[in-house]
Each structure stands twice: as structure tokens, then as C-alpha cells.
Amino acid sequence: MGASGLTADQALSAWLEHLAHERRLSPRTLEAYGHIGRLYVAFLARHRGGPLSATELGGVTAAEVRAHLAERRSGDRPLNARSLSQTLAAIRGFHAFLDRRLGVASPQMALVRGPRVKPSLPRPVTEDQAKGLLHEPEADPDTEPWEAARDRAVLTLLYGCGLRISEALSLKRSDAPLPESLRILGKGGKTRIVPVLPQVQAATDAYLDAQPFVLDPEQALFRARRGGPLSARHVQATVQRLRGRLGLPASATPHALRHSFATHLLGAGADLRSIQELLGHASLSTTQKYTQVDAARLLAAYAQAHPRD
């Protein structure tokens, strides 16, 4: 593929197609990258006084990129440092695609530095809080018994297997009853093998026995009240409702259960490389954040057990 005859908008579309079909990014990530790319190309068109060709994108200056970031930082919806850093990362990815696939290098991109972002640590829930979230659905009087079993099964997969919401909801009817290990297709099309604890198998079996639908093997395993596939939004809303009843902080989210899976394994003596494989992290540095979480937890426990006063 070459840049000859392509507009900047067409080059952007080609990049998004690459991300969707070759990188296999999630629809939500693609939507975010598309939004960032369209704002960036539109800014350059305004700045240059008209639409750009794909070839002209190679002449973008560091000053233009900085001006665009400044605009995003001070607009109607100003971005914080972390969002600005993500915006710059997406723009860099777009220009890297232009260079690699279209032969349009952008040498000035190397001169742009992003804002300093203090790395945030994962915010897991405690073991007792996790257990509370897993058992609370059955105590909800407004939920049908099969829906409570479903919610418990989904949350048990997040905590017991370290799955992302999308990974748990991607399970098909043919995957259940769950075997002793699951083959999970994660981010970027990366496959990993995840052991399945007996408690996870039991929770899924209980849902399967209680749910009222006749499902084809290729249909989604977890179903909504009217029979359609269960959505990630429902899982998030369920946990929000449950944490309110349990008095848990706002950091108690579905994804926090995945963090807790890793942190509690680390506390029990699991090595980082094994946790990296179980979570499907591409880089060990991502997994290493959990060592800081565990150290913080140990220090807090020490301070509580050995007060200075």
C-alpha cells in the first residue's frame, strides 16, 4: 500500500482498519482511537487551511502536534494528563502506521514529549470484599434466582480466573460445563490457557441449571433477562448496586476483581511470570504493578499491627 492519491482521512480509515482486523482491538478502543484521529486530522486541516493528503501528514511539525495537545487540554472538555498521554500515544501509532505501511515518515514526531503521568496502581478489593460481592446477588430480593446465579457466575469468573468482562461474556454455551482449563482469546488476539477452579465450575453449573433458555452451542452462555446476550454494562451496573448494599468504595468495580485475582495470588506466593501468563499481559512491566500493591498492603498491615503510639 502506498500513500499516492490518498487523503489524510483515507489514511486514517486505513489505520483503523488495520487496528480492527490485524491488531484485533476491541470496538471500544477502536472508537476511542477513531475519535482521537478525527480530531487530530481536523485540527491539521484547520491549521493548514484545508484538507491534507496522506503524504502531507509526513510534514507535520512538533509545534503543530503540541498545539493540538494544548487545544485538547483547554477545550470544552479538557483532558487530564493521563488522557493527553493516551491521545499522544494514539497519534504516534497513527504516524508509525503511515511510516510502516504507506512510506510516509514523520521525523518531527520524535521531538514531541507527552505530559508526565504518575503511574496509577491497580485498586483491588480485599478477599472478604470479593467474597461479599460473589455472594450478595443471591440476597437481592428484586432479582430472579437464575439471574442471581448468573451474576454470581460471571463475578466468580472475574475473581476466580482473572478474566476481563469481555472475556467472561465471550464464553459460548458449548464452553459449559466448564473444563479444568479455558482457552481465552484476549486483547490483540492473544490466546492464553486459564485454569478453572472447582468453585468457578460450580457457580457456572448452578447458572446453567437455573437459566430458562434453550441455547444453541454457538450462542453466548450468559443471557440477559429477555434472552439476549448479557452486556458489560449490565455487569458494571450490577456491581455498582452490590457495592452500595455492601458499603464498598467506588473502586470496587468488576475489573477490580481481576486485579484482586492477581494481587491475592501474589500474596499467596505465586511468581510474577505465572501471573503475567494467567492475566494475558503482553509485558511483564504491567504485571509488576501488583508487587507495589502487595507491598502497600503489607505495609498497611504492619502499621496496623505495630502502631507507633
C-alpha atoms as a PDB file:
ATOM      1  CA  MET A   1       0.000   0.000   0.000  1.00  0.00           C
ATOM      2  CA  GLY A   2       1.289   3.465  -0.869  1.00  0.00           C
ATOM      3  CA  ALA A   3       0.232   6.995   0.051  1.00  0.00           C
ATOM      4  CA  SER A   4      -0.127   8.237  -3.526  1.00  0.00           C
ATOM      5  CA  GLY A   5      -3.573   9.704  -4.102  1.00  0.00           C
ATOM      6  CA  LEU A   6      -4.816   9.084  -0.544  1.00  0.00           C
ATOM      7  CA  THR A   7      -6.268  11.834   1.601  1.00  0.00           C
ATOM      8  CA  ALA A   8      -5.464  12.153   5.290  1.00  0.00           C
ATOM      9  CA  ASP A   9      -8.978  10.932   6.098  1.00  0.00           C
ATOM     10  CA  GLN A  10      -8.463   7.835   3.931  1.00  0.00           C
ATOM     11  CA  ALA A  11      -5.127   7.170   5.603  1.00  0.00           C
ATOM     12  CA  LEU A  12      -6.868   7.404   8.982  1.00  0.00           C
ATOM     13  CA  SER A  13      -9.516   4.917   7.822  1.00  0.00           C
ATOM     14  CA  ALA A  14      -6.769   2.547   6.661  1.00  0.00           C
ATOM     15  CA  TRP A  15      -5.136   2.758  10.084  1.00  0.00           C
ATOM     16  CA  LEU A  16      -8.408   1.985  11.865  1.00  0.00           C
ATOM     17  CA  GLU A  17      -8.978  -0.981   9.525  1.00  0.00           C
ATOM     18  CA  HIS A  18      -5.506  -2.223  10.429  1.00  0.00           C
ATOM     19  CA  LEU A  19      -6.271  -1.915  14.144  1.00  0.00           C
ATOM     20  CA  ALA A  20      -9.589  -3.721  13.750  1.00  0.00           C
ATOM     21  CA  HIS A  21      -8.569  -6.621  11.519  1.00  0.00           C
ATOM     22  CA  GLU A  22      -4.863  -7.144  12.144  1.00  0.00           C
ATOM     23  CA  ARG A  23      -4.434  -5.909  15.703  1.00  0.00           C
ATOM     24  CA  ARG A  24      -7.963  -7.018  16.666  1.00  0.00           C
ATOM     25  CA  LEU A  25      -8.518  -4.190  19.094  1.00  0.00           C
ATOM     26  CA  SER A  26     -11.828  -4.038  20.935  1.00  0.00           C
ATOM     27  CA  PRO A  27     -14.702  -1.952  19.499  1.00  0.00           C
ATOM     28  CA  ARG A  28     -14.432   0.430  22.456  1.00  0.00           C
ATOM     29  CA  THR A  29     -10.702   1.011  21.867  1.00  0.00           C
ATOM     30  CA  LEU A  30     -11.294   1.460  18.140  1.00  0.00           C
ATOM     31  CA  GLU A  31     -13.967   4.058  18.858  1.00  0.00           C
ATOM     32  CA  ALA A  32     -11.555   5.962  21.122  1.00  0.00           C
ATOM     33  CA  TYR A  33      -8.732   5.847  18.565  1.00  0.00           C
ATOM     34  CA  GLY A  34     -11.082   6.918  15.784  1.00  0.00           C
ATOM     35  CA  HIS A  35     -12.255   9.900  17.845  1.00  0.00           C
ATOM     36  CA  ILE A  36      -8.666  10.935  18.602  1.00  0.00           C
ATOM     37  CA  GLY A  37      -7.622  10.520  14.955  1.00  0.00           C
ATOM     38  CA  ARG A  38     -10.545  12.501  13.546  1.00  0.00           C
ATOM     39  CA  LEU A  39      -9.957  15.413  15.925  1.00  0.00           C
ATOM     40  CA  TYR A  40      -6.256  15.388  15.049  1.00  0.00           C
ATOM     41  CA  VAL A  41      -6.773  15.361  11.267  1.00  0.00           C
ATOM     42  CA  ALA A  42      -9.469  18.048  11.546  1.00  0.00           C
ATOM     43  CA  PHE A  43      -7.116  20.244  13.606  1.00  0.00           C
ATOM     44  CA  LEU A  44      -4.373  19.919  10.998  1.00  0.00           C
ATOM     45  CA  ALA A  45      -6.848  20.813   8.227  1.00  0.00           C
ATOM     46  CA  ARG A  46      -7.878  23.968  10.105  1.00  0.00           C
ATOM     47  CA  HIS A  47      -4.284  24.857  10.849  1.00  0.00           C
ATOM     48  CA  ARG A  48      -3.127  24.339   7.262  1.00  0.00           C
ATOM     49  CA  GLY A  49      -6.191  25.996   5.719  1.00  0.00           C
ATOM     50  CA  GLY A  50      -7.624  22.922   4.022  1.00  0.00           C
ATOM     51  CA  PRO A  51      -7.703  19.107   3.880  1.00  0.00           C
ATOM     52  CA  LEU A  52      -4.339  17.319   3.835  1.00  0.00           C
ATOM     53  CA  SER A  53      -3.168  14.443   1.695  1.00  0.00           C
ATOM     54  CA  ALA A  54      -1.649  11.368   3.308  1.00  0.00           C
ATOM     55  CA  THR A  55       1.758  12.441   2.026  1.00  0.00           C
ATOM     56  CA  GLU A  56       1.436  15.874   3.639  1.00  0.00           C
ATOM     57  CA  LEU A  57       0.962  14.222   7.039  1.00  0.00           C
ATOM     58  CA  GLY A  58       4.663  13.434   6.938  1.00  0.00           C
ATOM     59  CA  GLY A  59       5.425  17.146   7.151  1.00  0.00           C
ATOM     60  CA  VAL A  60       3.605  17.662  10.417  1.00  0.00           C
ATOM     61  CA  THR A  61       5.776  19.643  12.823  1.00  0.00           C
ATOM     62  CA  ALA A  62       6.325  19.111  16.533  1.00  0.00           C
ATOM     63  CA  ALA A  63       4.838  22.566  17.119  1.00  0.00           C
ATOM     64  CA  GLU A  64       1.604  21.552  15.377  1.00  0.00           C
ATOM     65  CA  VAL A  65       1.249  18.421  17.486  1.00  0.00           C
ATOM     66  CA  ARG A  66       1.940  20.411  20.658  1.00  0.00           C
ATOM     67  CA  ALA A  67      -0.660  23.000  19.585  1.00  0.00           C
ATOM     68  CA  HIS A  68      -3.218  20.235  19.092  1.00  0.00           C
ATOM     69  CA  LEU A  69      -2.489  18.787  22.536  1.00  0.00           C
ATOM     70  CA  ALA A  70      -2.782  22.283  24.042  1.00  0.00           C
ATOM     71  CA  GLU A  71      -6.185  22.653  22.390  1.00  0.00           C
ATOM     72  CA  ARG A  72      -7.328  19.309  23.797  1.00  0.00           C
ATOM     73  CA  ARG A  73      -6.130  20.373  27.237  1.00  0.00           C
ATOM     74  CA  SER A  74      -8.068  23.642  27.233  1.00  0.00           C
ATOM     75  CA  GLY A  75     -11.232  22.930  25.224  1.00  0.00           C
ATOM     76  CA  ASP A  76     -14.824  22.475  26.344  1.00  0.00           C
ATOM     77  CA  ARG A  77     -13.878  19.039  27.684  1.00  0.00           C
ATOM     78  CA  PRO A  78     -10.262  19.500  28.811  1.00  0.00           C
ATOM     79  CA  LEU A  79      -8.219  16.327  29.050  1.00  0.00           C
ATOM     80  CA  ASN A  80      -6.159  15.456  32.104  1.00  0.00           C
ATOM     81  CA  ALA A  81      -2.509  14.412  31.891  1.00  0.00           C
ATOM     82  CA  ARG A  82      -3.316  10.708  31.542  1.00  0.00           C
ATOM     83  CA  SER A  83      -5.817  11.276  28.731  1.00  0.00           C
ATOM     84  CA  LEU A  84      -3.387  13.609  26.960  1.00  0.00           C
ATOM     85  CA  SER A  85      -0.713  10.928  27.197  1.00  0.00           C
ATOM     86  CA  GLN A  86      -3.130   8.393  25.675  1.00  0.00           C
ATOM     87  CA  THR A  87      -4.008  10.880  22.923  1.00  0.00           C
ATOM     88  CA  LEU A  88      -0.350  11.364  22.042  1.00  0.00           C
ATOM     89  CA  ALA A  89       0.217   7.595  22.075  1.00  0.00           C
ATOM     90  CA  ALA A  90      -2.633   7.158  19.555  1.00  0.00           C
ATOM     91  CA  ILE A  91      -1.243   9.932  17.321  1.00  0.00           C
ATOM     92  CA  ARG A  92       2.197   8.297  17.467  1.00  0.00           C
ATOM     93  CA  GLY A  93       0.605   4.991  16.496  1.00  0.00           C
ATOM     94  CA  PHE A  94      -1.090   6.624  13.519  1.00  0.00           C
ATOM     95  CA  HIS A  95       2.177   8.145  12.309  1.00  0.00           C
ATOM     96  CA  ALA A  96       4.019   4.861  12.851  1.00  0.00           C
ATOM     97  CA  PHE A  97       1.419   3.200  10.590  1.00  0.00           C
ATOM     98  CA  LEU A  98       1.913   5.935   7.971  1.00  0.00           C
ATOM     99  CA  ASP A  99       5.652   5.290   8.006  1.00  0.00           C
ATOM    100  CA  ARG A 100       5.486   1.485   8.068  1.00  0.00           C
ATOM    101  CA  ARG A 101       2.604   0.870   5.677  1.00  0.00           C
ATOM    102  CA  LEU A 102       2.399   3.970   3.488  1.00  0.00           C
ATOM    103  CA  GLY A 103       6.028   5.034   3.408  1.00  0.00           C
ATOM    104  CA  VAL A 104       5.260   8.460   4.920  1.00  0.00           C
ATOM    105  CA  ALA A 105       7.793   9.219   7.666  1.00  0.00           C
ATOM    106  CA  SER A 106       7.120  11.949  10.234  1.00  0.00           C
ATOM    107  CA  PRO A 107      10.548  12.803  11.692  1.00  0.00           C
ATOM    108  CA  GLN A 108       9.293  15.641  13.894  1.00  0.00           C
ATOM    109  CA  MET A 109       7.129  13.283  15.959  1.00  0.00           C
ATOM    110  CA  ALA A 110      10.292  12.219  17.804  1.00  0.00           C
ATOM    111  CA  LEU A 111      10.554  15.766  19.190  1.00  0.00           C
ATOM    112  CA  VAL A 112       7.160  15.703  20.930  1.00  0.00           C
ATOM    113  CA  ARG A 113       7.148  14.805  24.616  1.00  0.00           C
ATOM    114  CA  GLY A 114       3.989  13.901  26.447  1.00  0.00           C
ATOM    115  CA  PRO A 115       2.925  15.104  29.915  1.00  0.00           C
ATOM    116  CA  ARG A 116       4.361  13.368  32.925  1.00  0.00           C
ATOM    117  CA  VAL A 117       1.862  10.901  34.298  1.00  0.00           C
ATOM    118  CA  LYS A 118       2.221   9.372  37.720  1.00  0.00           C
ATOM    119  CA  PRO A 119       1.564   5.661  37.206  1.00  0.00           C
ATOM    120  CA  SER A 120      -1.578   4.534  38.984  1.00  0.00           C
ATOM    121  CA  LEU A 121      -1.635   1.285  40.893  1.00  0.00           C
ATOM    122  CA  PRO A 122      -4.400  -1.296  40.481  1.00  0.00           C
ATOM    123  CA  ARG A 123      -7.032  -0.972  43.198  1.00  0.00           C
ATOM    124  CA  PRO A 124      -8.049  -4.469  44.232  1.00  0.00           C
ATOM    125  CA  VAL A 125     -10.698  -5.372  46.775  1.00  0.00           C
ATOM    126  CA  THR A 126      -9.863  -7.453  49.841  1.00  0.00           C
ATOM    127  CA  GLU A 127     -10.617 -11.164  49.964  1.00  0.00           C
ATOM    128  CA  ASP A 128     -13.602 -10.545  52.268  1.00  0.00           C
ATOM    129  CA  GLN A 129     -14.940  -7.820  49.963  1.00  0.00           C
ATOM    130  CA  ALA A 130     -14.563 -10.103  46.946  1.00  0.00           C
ATOM    131  CA  LYS A 131     -16.447 -12.879  48.714  1.00  0.00           C
ATOM    132  CA  GLY A 132     -19.149 -10.402  49.660  1.00  0.00           C
ATOM    133  CA  LEU A 133     -19.613  -9.356  46.033  1.00  0.00           C
ATOM    134  CA  LEU A 134     -19.811 -13.002  44.926  1.00  0.00           C
ATOM    135  CA  HIS A 135     -22.482 -13.937  47.464  1.00  0.00           C
ATOM    136  CA  GLU A 136     -24.564 -10.748  47.527  1.00  0.00           C
ATOM    137  CA  PRO A 137     -26.525 -11.391  44.268  1.00  0.00           C
ATOM    138  CA  GLU A 138     -28.446 -14.204  45.968  1.00  0.00           C
ATOM    139  CA  ALA A 139     -29.596 -11.803  48.690  1.00  0.00           C
ATOM    140  CA  ASP A 140     -31.188  -9.368  46.218  1.00  0.00           C
ATOM    141  CA  PRO A 141     -34.995  -9.673  46.512  1.00  0.00           C
ATOM    142  CA  ASP A 142     -35.543  -7.900  43.184  1.00  0.00           C
ATOM    143  CA  THR A 143     -33.530 -10.441  41.183  1.00  0.00           C
ATOM    144  CA  GLU A 144     -34.832 -13.734  39.825  1.00  0.00           C
ATOM    145  CA  PRO A 145     -32.949 -16.745  41.224  1.00  0.00           C
ATOM    146  CA  TRP A 146     -31.499 -17.628  37.802  1.00  0.00           C
ATOM    147  CA  GLU A 147     -30.298 -14.034  37.319  1.00  0.00           C
ATOM    148  CA  ALA A 148     -28.633 -14.099  40.743  1.00  0.00           C
ATOM    149  CA  ALA A 149     -26.921 -17.357  39.765  1.00  0.00           C
ATOM    150  CA  ARG A 150     -25.804 -15.749  36.502  1.00  0.00           C
ATOM    151  CA  ASP A 151     -24.385 -12.666  38.200  1.00  0.00           C
ATOM    152  CA  ARG A 152     -22.537 -14.794  40.719  1.00  0.00           C
ATOM    153  CA  ALA A 153     -21.126 -16.997  37.943  1.00  0.00           C
ATOM    154  CA  VAL A 154     -19.850 -14.001  35.963  1.00  0.00           C
ATOM    155  CA  LEU A 155     -18.249 -12.348  39.001  1.00  0.00           C
ATOM    156  CA  THR A 156     -16.723 -15.671  40.039  1.00  0.00           C
ATOM    157  CA  LEU A 157     -15.075 -15.926  36.620  1.00  0.00           C
ATOM    158  CA  LEU A 158     -13.585 -12.451  37.044  1.00  0.00           C
ATOM    159  CA  TYR A 159     -12.216 -13.187  40.503  1.00  0.00           C
ATOM    160  CA  GLY A 160     -11.502 -16.899  40.182  1.00  0.00           C
ATOM    161  CA  CYS A 161      -9.920 -16.837  36.704  1.00  0.00           C
ATOM    162  CA  GLY A 162      -8.770 -13.219  36.384  1.00  0.00           C
ATOM    163  CA  LEU A 163     -10.883 -12.662  33.262  1.00  0.00           C
ATOM    164  CA  ARG A 164     -11.825  -9.318  31.771  1.00  0.00           C
ATOM    165  CA  ILE A 165     -15.586  -8.692  31.493  1.00  0.00           C
ATOM    166  CA  SER A 166     -15.433  -9.069  27.716  1.00  0.00           C
ATOM    167  CA  GLU A 167     -13.631 -12.407  28.068  1.00  0.00           C
ATOM    168  CA  ALA A 168     -16.201 -13.800  30.502  1.00  0.00           C
ATOM    169  CA  LEU A 169     -19.092 -12.649  28.305  1.00  0.00           C
ATOM    170  CA  SER A 170     -17.463 -14.164  25.210  1.00  0.00           C
ATOM    171  CA  LEU A 171     -17.959 -17.687  26.566  1.00  0.00           C
ATOM    172  CA  LYS A 172     -20.381 -19.760  24.487  1.00  0.00           C
ATOM    173  CA  ARG A 173     -22.937 -22.352  25.513  1.00  0.00           C
ATOM    174  CA  SER A 174     -20.588 -25.014  24.150  1.00  0.00           C
ATOM    175  CA  ASP A 175     -17.945 -23.950  26.717  1.00  0.00           C
ATOM    176  CA  ALA A 176     -20.111 -25.134  29.618  1.00  0.00           C
ATOM    177  CA  PRO A 177     -19.907 -27.163  31.767  1.00  0.00           C
ATOM    178  CA  LEU A 178     -16.515 -25.538  32.149  1.00  0.00           C
ATOM    179  CA  PRO A 179     -13.476 -27.801  31.771  1.00  0.00           C
ATOM    180  CA  GLU A 180     -10.474 -27.728  34.081  1.00  0.00           C
ATOM    181  CA  SER A 181      -8.877 -25.082  31.870  1.00  0.00           C
ATOM    182  CA  LEU A 182     -10.193 -22.497  29.418  1.00  0.00           C
ATOM    183  CA  ARG A 183      -8.619 -21.196  26.240  1.00  0.00           C
ATOM    184  CA  ILE A 184      -9.226 -17.439  26.359  1.00  0.00           C
ATOM    185  CA  LEU A 185      -8.810 -15.069  23.420  1.00  0.00           C
ATOM    186  CA  GLY A 186      -7.682 -11.798  24.971  1.00  0.00           C
ATOM    187  CA  LYS A 187      -6.546  -8.378  23.798  1.00  0.00           C
ATOM    188  CA  GLY A 188      -4.740  -8.215  20.489  1.00  0.00           C
ATOM    189  CA  GLY A 189      -5.898 -11.713  19.563  1.00  0.00           C
ATOM    190  CA  LYS A 190      -3.543 -13.240  22.142  1.00  0.00           C
ATOM    191  CA  THR A 191      -4.621 -16.671  23.419  1.00  0.00           C
ATOM    192  CA  ARG A 192      -3.897 -17.942  26.922  1.00  0.00           C
ATOM    193  CA  ILE A 193      -4.828 -21.007  28.971  1.00  0.00           C
ATOM    194  CA  VAL A 194      -6.538 -20.287  32.301  1.00  0.00           C
ATOM    195  CA  PRO A 195      -7.090 -22.945  34.995  1.00  0.00           C
ATOM    196  CA  VAL A 196     -10.682 -23.184  36.235  1.00  0.00           C
ATOM    197  CA  LEU A 197     -11.194 -23.717  39.965  1.00  0.00           C
ATOM    198  CA  PRO A 198     -13.938 -26.083  41.164  1.00  0.00           C
ATOM    199  CA  GLN A 199     -15.745 -23.086  42.719  1.00  0.00           C
ATOM    200  CA  VAL A 200     -15.881 -21.402  39.305  1.00  0.00           C
ATOM    201  CA  GLN A 201     -17.178 -24.593  37.702  1.00  0.00           C
ATOM    202  CA  ALA A 202     -19.826 -24.958  40.414  1.00  0.00           C
ATOM    203  CA  ALA A 203     -21.041 -21.360  40.047  1.00  0.00           C
ATOM    204  CA  THR A 204     -21.333 -21.728  36.268  1.00  0.00           C
ATOM    205  CA  ASP A 205     -23.104 -25.082  36.598  1.00  0.00           C
ATOM    206  CA  ALA A 206     -25.612 -23.532  39.021  1.00  0.00           C
ATOM    207  CA  TYR A 207     -26.385 -20.795  36.494  1.00  0.00           C
ATOM    208  CA  LEU A 208     -26.662 -23.295  33.651  1.00  0.00           C
ATOM    209  CA  ASP A 209     -29.140 -25.411  35.622  1.00  0.00           C
ATOM    210  CA  ALA A 210     -31.257 -22.377  36.563  1.00  0.00           C
ATOM    211  CA  GLN A 211     -31.346 -20.313  33.340  1.00  0.00           C
ATOM    212  CA  PRO A 212     -34.614 -20.712  31.378  1.00  0.00           C
ATOM    213  CA  PHE A 213     -33.406 -20.527  27.766  1.00  0.00           C
ATOM    214  CA  VAL A 214     -32.652 -23.155  25.153  1.00  0.00           C
ATOM    215  CA  LEU A 215     -29.304 -22.105  23.740  1.00  0.00           C
ATOM    216  CA  ASP A 216     -27.503 -23.198  20.600  1.00  0.00           C
ATOM    217  CA  PRO A 217     -23.853 -24.242  21.094  1.00  0.00           C
ATOM    218  CA  GLU A 218     -22.508 -21.055  19.472  1.00  0.00           C
ATOM    219  CA  GLN A 219     -24.742 -18.638  21.384  1.00  0.00           C
ATOM    220  CA  ALA A 220     -23.388 -16.557  24.280  1.00  0.00           C
ATOM    221  CA  LEU A 221     -23.523 -18.506  27.533  1.00  0.00           C
ATOM    222  CA  PHE A 222     -24.653 -15.608  29.721  1.00  0.00           C
ATOM    223  CA  ARG A 223     -28.067 -14.182  28.865  1.00  0.00           C
ATOM    224  CA  ALA A 224     -29.988 -11.054  29.842  1.00  0.00           C
ATOM    225  CA  ARG A 225     -33.498 -11.117  31.307  1.00  0.00           C
ATOM    226  CA  ARG A 226     -35.197 -11.092  27.889  1.00  0.00           C
ATOM    227  CA  GLY A 227     -32.896 -13.699  26.405  1.00  0.00           C
ATOM    228  CA  GLY A 228     -30.314 -11.576  24.573  1.00  0.00           C
ATOM    229  CA  PRO A 229     -26.596 -11.733  25.303  1.00  0.00           C
ATOM    230  CA  LEU A 230     -25.605 -10.212  28.641  1.00  0.00           C
ATOM    231  CA  SER A 231     -23.840  -6.857  28.254  1.00  0.00           C
ATOM    232  CA  ALA A 232     -20.771  -5.498  30.020  1.00  0.00           C
ATOM    233  CA  ARG A 233     -22.874  -2.501  31.061  1.00  0.00           C
ATOM    234  CA  HIS A 234     -25.199  -4.830  32.989  1.00  0.00           C
ATOM    235  CA  VAL A 235     -22.262  -6.379  34.859  1.00  0.00           C
ATOM    236  CA  GLN A 236     -20.932  -2.932  35.755  1.00  0.00           C
ATOM    237  CA  ALA A 237     -24.357  -1.768  36.935  1.00  0.00           C
ATOM    238  CA  THR A 238     -24.803  -4.942  38.988  1.00  0.00           C
ATOM    239  CA  VAL A 239     -21.506  -4.440  40.808  1.00  0.00           C
ATOM    240  CA  GLN A 240     -22.369  -0.783  41.407  1.00  0.00           C
ATOM    241  CA  ARG A 241     -25.635  -1.852  43.031  1.00  0.00           C
ATOM    242  CA  LEU A 242     -23.989  -4.598  45.076  1.00  0.00           C
ATOM    243  CA  ARG A 243     -21.162  -2.423  46.368  1.00  0.00           C
ATOM    244  CA  GLY A 244     -23.730   0.145  47.503  1.00  0.00           C
ATOM    245  CA  ARG A 245     -25.513  -2.528  49.533  1.00  0.00           C
ATOM    246  CA  LEU A 246     -22.238  -3.791  50.971  1.00  0.00           C
ATOM    247  CA  GLY A 247     -20.857  -0.320  51.715  1.00  0.00           C
ATOM    248  CA  LEU A 248     -17.814  -0.821  49.475  1.00  0.00           C
ATOM    249  CA  PRO A 249     -15.898   2.064  47.853  1.00  0.00           C
ATOM    250  CA  ALA A 250     -16.373   3.162  44.237  1.00  0.00           C
ATOM    251  CA  SER A 251     -13.093   1.409  43.390  1.00  0.00           C
ATOM    252  CA  ALA A 252     -14.898  -1.934  43.848  1.00  0.00           C
ATOM    253  CA  THR A 253     -15.583  -2.499  40.141  1.00  0.00           C
ATOM    254  CA  PRO A 254     -15.763  -5.663  38.025  1.00  0.00           C
ATOM    255  CA  HIS A 255     -12.217  -5.013  36.828  1.00  0.00           C
ATOM    256  CA  ALA A 256     -11.083  -4.700  40.456  1.00  0.00           C
ATOM    257  CA  LEU A 257     -11.947  -8.392  40.846  1.00  0.00           C
ATOM    258  CA  ARG A 258      -9.392  -9.175  38.131  1.00  0.00           C
ATOM    259  CA  HIS A 259      -6.850  -7.030  39.977  1.00  0.00           C
ATOM    260  CA  SER A 260      -7.703  -8.885  43.181  1.00  0.00           C
ATOM    261  CA  PHE A 261      -7.150 -12.242  41.468  1.00  0.00           C
ATOM    262  CA  ALA A 262      -3.578 -11.161  40.665  1.00  0.00           C
ATOM    263  CA  THR A 263      -2.849  -9.468  43.990  1.00  0.00           C
ATOM    264  CA  HIS A 264      -4.141 -12.342  46.101  1.00  0.00           C
ATOM    265  CA  LEU A 265      -2.183 -14.868  44.021  1.00  0.00           C
ATOM    266  CA  LEU A 266       0.952 -12.802  44.525  1.00  0.00           C
ATOM    267  CA  GLY A 267       0.305 -12.631  48.260  1.00  0.00           C
ATOM    268  CA  ALA A 268      -0.065 -16.414  48.320  1.00  0.00           C
ATOM    269  CA  GLY A 269       3.383 -16.847  46.770  1.00  0.00           C
ATOM    270  CA  ALA A 270       2.729 -17.069  43.015  1.00  0.00           C
ATOM    271  CA  ASP A 271       5.545 -15.788  40.811  1.00  0.00           C
ATOM    272  CA  LEU A 272       5.145 -12.788  38.531  1.00  0.00           C
ATOM    273  CA  ARG A 273       5.754 -14.685  35.297  1.00  0.00           C
ATOM    274  CA  SER A 274       2.915 -17.109  36.051  1.00  0.00           C
ATOM    275  CA  ILE A 275       0.567 -14.230  36.917  1.00  0.00           C
ATOM    276  CA  GLN A 276       1.550 -12.487  33.681  1.00  0.00           C
ATOM    277  CA  GLU A 277       0.549 -15.591  31.697  1.00  0.00           C
ATOM    278  CA  LEU A 278      -2.733 -16.001  33.589  1.00  0.00           C
ATOM    279  CA  LEU A 279      -3.710 -12.359  33.015  1.00  0.00           C
ATOM    280  CA  GLY A 280      -2.561 -12.284  29.399  1.00  0.00           C
ATOM    281  CA  HIS A 281      -0.300  -9.264  29.865  1.00  0.00           C
ATOM    282  CA  ALA A 282       1.971  -8.667  26.891  1.00  0.00           C
ATOM    283  CA  SER A 283       4.627  -7.050  29.097  1.00  0.00           C
ATOM    284  CA  LEU A 284       5.940  -8.169  32.472  1.00  0.00           C
ATOM    285  CA  SER A 285       6.199  -4.494  33.478  1.00  0.00           C
ATOM    286  CA  THR A 286       2.389  -4.331  33.505  1.00  0.00           C
ATOM    287  CA  THR A 287       2.232  -7.268  35.901  1.00  0.00           C
ATOM    288  CA  GLN A 288       4.954  -5.788  38.121  1.00  0.00           C
ATOM    289  CA  LYS A 289       2.485  -3.145  39.307  1.00  0.00           C
ATOM    290  CA  TYR A 290       0.973  -5.823  41.516  1.00  0.00           C
ATOM    291  CA  THR A 291       4.190  -6.116  43.524  1.00  0.00           C
ATOM    292  CA  GLN A 292       3.713  -2.479  44.546  1.00  0.00           C
ATOM    293  CA  VAL A 293       0.102  -3.155  45.508  1.00  0.00           C
ATOM    294  CA  ASP A 294       1.094  -6.142  47.607  1.00  0.00           C
ATOM    295  CA  ALA A 295       3.917  -4.195  49.269  1.00  0.00           C
ATOM    296  CA  ALA A 296       1.487  -1.383  50.103  1.00  0.00           C
ATOM    297  CA  ARG A 297      -0.929  -3.905  51.613  1.00  0.00           C
ATOM    298  CA  LEU A 298       1.815  -5.462  53.754  1.00  0.00           C
ATOM    299  CA  LEU A 299       2.970  -2.056  54.972  1.00  0.00           C
ATOM    300  CA  ALA A 300      -0.590  -1.113  55.923  1.00  0.00           C
ATOM    301  CA  ALA A 301      -0.988  -4.383  57.827  1.00  0.00           C
ATOM    302  CA  TYR A 302       2.345  -3.794  59.573  1.00  0.00           C
ATOM    303  CA  ALA A 303       1.347  -0.264  60.567  1.00  0.00           C
ATOM    304  CA  GLN A 304      -1.939  -1.521  61.969  1.00  0.00           C
ATOM    305  CA  ALA A 305      -0.295  -4.339  63.918  1.00  0.00           C
ATOM    306  CA  HIS A 306       2.559  -2.172  65.216  1.00  0.00           C
ATOM    307  CA  PRO A 307       1.195   1.306  65.973  1.00  0.00           C
ATOM    308  CA  ARG A 308       3.775   3.924  66.873  1.00  0.00           C
ATOM    309  CA  ASP A 309       1.742   5.405  69.701  1.00  0.00           C
END
